[in-house]
Amino acid sequence: MRYLLQVDFKMDGPFGEEMSEAFVDLAKSINDEPGVIWKIWTENAEAKESGGVYLFETKEDAENYLTMHSARLTSFGITDIRGKIFAVNEALSLINHGPVK
């Protein structure tokens, strides 16, 4: 079974193109994390929120990544980090074209 990790937090920026440029190396490094299948980056400049949705091979991989990522964000001065892990129902997700494979 695959697992979805949802993370969000308050952030003053950057957003949009500036975010894309500032975090390209971080984005590349995420591909090397154990169990990561993909990540969708999320942002809401008006609400000053950022985060992501990740798909992992195992629950343990998702939990380990959340622990590491929360520590990294905290070291950047980011607080109020919210992370949730969900089991993915692949059969239903595939009906709705969910990228679960």
N, C-alpha and C. Protein backbone atom coordinates (compact mmCIF):
# COMPACT_ATOMS: atom_id res chain seq x y z
N MET A 1 0.85 -1.18 0.00
CA MET A 1 0.00 0.00 0.00
C MET A 1 0.89 1.24 0.00
N ARG A 2 0.48 2.24 -0.72
CA ARG A 2 1.19 3.51 -0.79
C ARG A 2 0.58 4.49 0.22
N TYR A 3 1.38 5.51 0.57
CA TYR A 3 0.94 6.47 1.58
C TYR A 3 1.16 7.90 1.10
N LEU A 4 0.16 8.74 1.39
CA LEU A 4 0.19 10.14 1.03
C LEU A 4 0.56 10.95 2.26
N LEU A 5 1.49 11.87 2.10
CA LEU A 5 1.86 12.81 3.16
C LEU A 5 1.45 14.19 2.70
N GLN A 6 0.69 14.87 3.55
CA GLN A 6 0.27 16.24 3.29
C GLN A 6 0.94 17.13 4.33
N VAL A 7 1.67 18.15 3.88
CA VAL A 7 2.38 19.06 4.78
C VAL A 7 2.03 20.50 4.38
N ASP A 8 1.75 21.33 5.39
CA ASP A 8 1.58 22.76 5.10
C ASP A 8 2.03 23.57 6.30
N PHE A 9 2.37 24.82 6.03
CA PHE A 9 2.92 25.70 7.06
C PHE A 9 2.85 27.14 6.56
N LYS A 10 2.93 28.08 7.51
CA LYS A 10 2.99 29.50 7.17
C LYS A 10 4.39 29.83 6.70
N MET A 11 4.47 30.67 5.67
CA MET A 11 5.75 31.09 5.13
C MET A 11 5.59 32.46 4.47
N ASP A 12 6.53 33.35 4.68
CA ASP A 12 6.45 34.69 4.10
C ASP A 12 6.84 34.74 2.63
N GLY A 13 7.37 33.67 2.10
CA GLY A 13 7.77 33.63 0.70
C GLY A 13 9.16 33.05 0.59
N PRO A 14 9.65 32.95 -0.58
CA PRO A 14 9.13 33.41 -1.87
C PRO A 14 8.02 32.50 -2.40
N PHE A 15 7.30 33.02 -3.39
CA PHE A 15 6.23 32.28 -4.06
C PHE A 15 6.39 32.41 -5.57
N GLY A 16 5.66 31.59 -6.29
CA GLY A 16 5.66 31.65 -7.75
C GLY A 16 7.02 31.35 -8.35
N GLU A 17 7.39 32.15 -9.34
CA GLU A 17 8.64 31.94 -10.06
C GLU A 17 9.85 32.06 -9.12
N GLU A 18 9.78 32.99 -8.17
CA GLU A 18 10.88 33.14 -7.22
C GLU A 18 11.06 31.87 -6.39
N MET A 19 9.96 31.25 -6.01
CA MET A 19 10.03 30.00 -5.25
C MET A 19 10.67 28.92 -6.12
N SER A 20 10.25 28.85 -7.37
CA SER A 20 10.79 27.85 -8.29
C SER A 20 12.31 27.97 -8.42
N GLU A 21 12.78 29.18 -8.49
CA GLU A 21 14.22 29.41 -8.61
C GLU A 21 14.95 29.15 -7.30
N ALA A 22 14.35 29.55 -6.18
CA ALA A 22 15.02 29.44 -4.89
C ALA A 22 15.14 27.99 -4.40
N PHE A 23 14.17 27.16 -4.76
CA PHE A 23 14.11 25.82 -4.18
C PHE A 23 14.40 24.70 -5.18
N VAL A 24 15.00 25.00 -6.30
CA VAL A 24 15.26 23.97 -7.31
C VAL A 24 16.18 22.88 -6.76
N ASP A 25 17.21 23.24 -6.01
CA ASP A 25 18.12 22.23 -5.46
C ASP A 25 17.41 21.37 -4.42
N LEU A 26 16.57 21.98 -3.60
CA LEU A 26 15.79 21.22 -2.62
C LEU A 26 14.86 20.26 -3.34
N ALA A 27 14.20 20.73 -4.39
CA ALA A 27 13.29 19.87 -5.14
C ALA A 27 14.03 18.66 -5.71
N LYS A 28 15.21 18.88 -6.25
CA LYS A 28 16.00 17.77 -6.80
C LYS A 28 16.39 16.79 -5.71
N SER A 29 16.75 17.29 -4.52
CA SER A 29 17.19 16.41 -3.44
C SER A 29 16.06 15.55 -2.90
N ILE A 30 14.84 16.01 -2.99
CA ILE A 30 13.70 15.23 -2.50
C ILE A 30 13.57 13.92 -3.27
N ASN A 31 13.95 13.93 -4.54
CA ASN A 31 13.90 12.69 -5.34
C ASN A 31 14.81 11.60 -4.79
N ASP A 32 15.80 11.97 -3.99
CA ASP A 32 16.73 11.00 -3.43
C ASP A 32 16.31 10.48 -2.07
N GLU A 33 15.22 10.99 -1.52
CA GLU A 33 14.75 10.55 -0.20
C GLU A 33 14.14 9.15 -0.31
N PRO A 34 14.38 8.30 0.67
CA PRO A 34 13.86 6.93 0.64
C PRO A 34 12.34 6.88 0.50
N GLY A 35 11.89 6.12 -0.48
CA GLY A 35 10.46 5.87 -0.65
C GLY A 35 9.66 6.92 -1.38
N VAL A 36 10.27 8.06 -1.72
CA VAL A 36 9.52 9.12 -2.40
C VAL A 36 9.20 8.68 -3.83
N ILE A 37 7.92 8.77 -4.19
CA ILE A 37 7.49 8.48 -5.57
C ILE A 37 7.32 9.79 -6.32
N TRP A 38 6.63 10.75 -5.69
CA TRP A 38 6.47 12.08 -6.27
C TRP A 38 6.08 13.09 -5.21
N LYS A 39 6.21 14.36 -5.56
CA LYS A 39 5.77 15.47 -4.72
C LYS A 39 5.07 16.49 -5.60
N ILE A 40 3.99 17.04 -5.09
CA ILE A 40 3.34 18.20 -5.69
C ILE A 40 3.54 19.35 -4.72
N TRP A 41 4.17 20.40 -5.19
CA TRP A 41 4.43 21.58 -4.35
C TRP A 41 3.17 22.43 -4.31
N THR A 42 2.84 22.97 -3.13
CA THR A 42 1.65 23.81 -2.97
C THR A 42 2.05 25.16 -2.41
N GLU A 43 1.31 26.18 -2.79
CA GLU A 43 1.56 27.53 -2.29
C GLU A 43 0.30 28.37 -2.39
N ASN A 44 0.16 29.28 -1.45
CA ASN A 44 -0.92 30.25 -1.45
C ASN A 44 -0.31 31.56 -0.96
N ALA A 45 0.11 32.40 -1.89
CA ALA A 45 0.81 33.64 -1.54
C ALA A 45 -0.08 34.57 -0.71
N GLU A 46 -1.37 34.62 -1.04
CA GLU A 46 -2.28 35.51 -0.31
C GLU A 46 -2.38 35.12 1.16
N ALA A 47 -2.43 33.83 1.45
CA ALA A 47 -2.54 33.34 2.83
C ALA A 47 -1.16 33.12 3.45
N LYS A 48 -0.10 33.32 2.66
CA LYS A 48 1.28 33.08 3.10
C LYS A 48 1.43 31.66 3.64
N GLU A 49 1.01 30.70 2.82
CA GLU A 49 1.11 29.28 3.16
C GLU A 49 1.83 28.54 2.05
N SER A 50 2.55 27.51 2.45
CA SER A 50 3.25 26.67 1.50
C SER A 50 3.22 25.25 2.00
N GLY A 51 3.65 24.33 1.15
CA GLY A 51 3.70 22.94 1.58
C GLY A 51 3.81 22.01 0.39
N GLY A 52 3.28 20.81 0.59
CA GLY A 52 3.32 19.84 -0.49
C GLY A 52 2.52 18.60 -0.16
N VAL A 53 2.29 17.85 -1.20
CA VAL A 53 1.64 16.55 -1.10
C VAL A 53 2.59 15.55 -1.73
N TYR A 54 2.90 14.49 -1.00
CA TYR A 54 3.90 13.51 -1.40
C TYR A 54 3.26 12.13 -1.47
N LEU A 55 3.76 11.29 -2.34
CA LEU A 55 3.39 9.89 -2.36
C LEU A 55 4.62 9.07 -2.01
N PHE A 56 4.47 8.17 -1.03
CA PHE A 56 5.56 7.32 -0.55
C PHE A 56 5.24 5.85 -0.73
N GLU A 57 6.28 5.05 -0.82
CA GLU A 57 6.15 3.60 -0.94
C GLU A 57 5.56 2.98 0.33
N THR A 58 6.00 3.47 1.51
CA THR A 58 5.56 2.88 2.77
C THR A 58 5.20 3.97 3.77
N LYS A 59 4.44 3.58 4.79
CA LYS A 59 4.09 4.49 5.87
C LYS A 59 5.36 4.91 6.62
N GLU A 60 6.26 3.96 6.84
CA GLU A 60 7.51 4.26 7.54
C GLU A 60 8.33 5.32 6.79
N ASP A 61 8.39 5.21 5.46
CA ASP A 61 9.11 6.23 4.67
C ASP A 61 8.46 7.60 4.85
N ALA A 62 7.13 7.65 4.84
CA ALA A 62 6.41 8.92 5.01
C ALA A 62 6.66 9.49 6.40
N GLU A 63 6.62 8.65 7.42
CA GLU A 63 6.86 9.11 8.79
C GLU A 63 8.29 9.63 8.95
N ASN A 64 9.24 8.90 8.42
CA ASN A 64 10.65 9.32 8.52
C ASN A 64 10.88 10.64 7.80
N TYR A 65 10.27 10.79 6.62
CA TYR A 65 10.43 12.04 5.87
C TYR A 65 9.80 13.20 6.64
N LEU A 66 8.61 12.99 7.19
CA LEU A 66 7.93 14.06 7.93
C LEU A 66 8.79 14.50 9.12
N THR A 67 9.39 13.57 9.83
CA THR A 67 10.26 13.90 10.96
C THR A 67 11.45 14.74 10.49
N MET A 68 12.12 14.28 9.43
CA MET A 68 13.29 14.98 8.91
C MET A 68 12.89 16.36 8.37
N HIS A 69 11.81 16.41 7.60
CA HIS A 69 11.40 17.67 6.96
C HIS A 69 10.94 18.69 8.00
N SER A 70 10.24 18.22 9.03
CA SER A 70 9.81 19.13 10.10
C SER A 70 11.02 19.75 10.80
N ALA A 71 12.05 18.94 11.05
CA ALA A 71 13.27 19.46 11.66
C ALA A 71 13.96 20.47 10.75
N ARG A 72 13.98 20.18 9.46
CA ARG A 72 14.60 21.11 8.50
C ARG A 72 13.84 22.43 8.47
N LEU A 73 12.52 22.36 8.40
CA LEU A 73 11.70 23.58 8.37
C LEU A 73 11.88 24.38 9.66
N THR A 74 11.93 23.69 10.79
CA THR A 74 12.14 24.36 12.07
C THR A 74 13.48 25.08 12.09
N SER A 75 14.50 24.46 11.48
CA SER A 75 15.82 25.11 11.43
C SER A 75 15.81 26.37 10.58
N PHE A 76 14.81 26.48 9.67
CA PHE A 76 14.64 27.69 8.85
C PHE A 76 13.78 28.74 9.57
N GLY A 77 13.33 28.43 10.80
CA GLY A 77 12.50 29.36 11.55
C GLY A 77 11.01 29.19 11.31
N ILE A 78 10.63 28.15 10.62
CA ILE A 78 9.22 27.90 10.32
C ILE A 78 8.60 27.12 11.48
N THR A 79 7.43 27.59 11.92
CA THR A 79 6.70 26.93 13.00
C THR A 79 5.31 26.55 12.51
N ASP A 80 4.54 25.95 13.37
CA ASP A 80 3.16 25.52 13.02
C ASP A 80 3.16 24.63 11.78
N ILE A 81 4.01 23.65 11.77
CA ILE A 81 4.09 22.70 10.66
C ILE A 81 3.04 21.63 10.87
N ARG A 82 2.17 21.47 9.88
CA ARG A 82 1.12 20.46 9.97
C ARG A 82 1.42 19.36 8.97
N GLY A 83 1.48 18.13 9.45
CA GLY A 83 1.72 16.99 8.58
C GLY A 83 0.73 15.88 8.88
N LYS A 84 0.14 15.32 7.84
CA LYS A 84 -0.81 14.21 7.98
C LYS A 84 -0.42 13.13 7.00
N ILE A 85 -0.57 11.88 7.45
CA ILE A 85 -0.28 10.74 6.60
C ILE A 85 -1.56 9.94 6.40
N PHE A 86 -1.82 9.59 5.15
CA PHE A 86 -3.01 8.84 4.79
C PHE A 86 -2.64 7.62 3.97
N ALA A 87 -3.30 6.50 4.21
CA ALA A 87 -3.19 5.35 3.32
C ALA A 87 -3.95 5.69 2.04
N VAL A 88 -3.44 5.24 0.90
CA VAL A 88 -4.06 5.52 -0.39
C VAL A 88 -4.92 4.32 -0.81
N ASN A 89 -6.17 4.58 -1.11
CA ASN A 89 -7.03 3.55 -1.69
C ASN A 89 -6.78 3.58 -3.19
N GLU A 90 -5.89 2.68 -3.63
CA GLU A 90 -5.47 2.71 -5.04
C GLU A 90 -6.60 2.38 -5.99
N ALA A 91 -7.46 1.43 -5.65
CA ALA A 91 -8.54 1.03 -6.55
C ALA A 91 -9.45 2.21 -6.88
N LEU A 92 -9.87 2.95 -5.87
CA LEU A 92 -10.74 4.11 -6.12
C LEU A 92 -9.97 5.26 -6.75
N SER A 93 -8.74 5.47 -6.34
CA SER A 93 -7.94 6.55 -6.90
C SER A 93 -7.69 6.35 -8.39
N LEU A 94 -7.47 5.12 -8.80
CA LEU A 94 -7.26 4.84 -10.22
C LEU A 94 -8.50 5.16 -11.05
N ILE A 95 -9.68 4.94 -10.51
CA ILE A 95 -10.91 5.29 -11.22
C ILE A 95 -10.92 6.78 -11.54
N ASN A 96 -10.38 7.59 -10.62
CA ASN A 96 -10.36 9.04 -10.80
C ASN A 96 -9.02 9.55 -11.33
N HIS A 97 -8.25 8.66 -11.98
CA HIS A 97 -6.99 9.02 -12.63
C HIS A 97 -5.91 9.49 -11.66
N GLY A 98 -5.97 9.05 -10.40
CA GLY A 98 -4.96 9.42 -9.41
C GLY A 98 -3.62 8.78 -9.75
N PRO A 99 -2.54 9.56 -9.66
CA PRO A 99 -1.20 9.04 -9.99
C PRO A 99 -0.62 8.22 -8.82
N VAL A 100 -1.17 7.02 -8.63
CA VAL A 100 -0.78 6.22 -7.46
C VAL A 100 0.14 5.07 -7.80
N LYS A 101 0.56 4.96 -9.03
CA LYS A 101 1.47 3.87 -9.42
C LYS A 101 2.80 4.41 -9.86
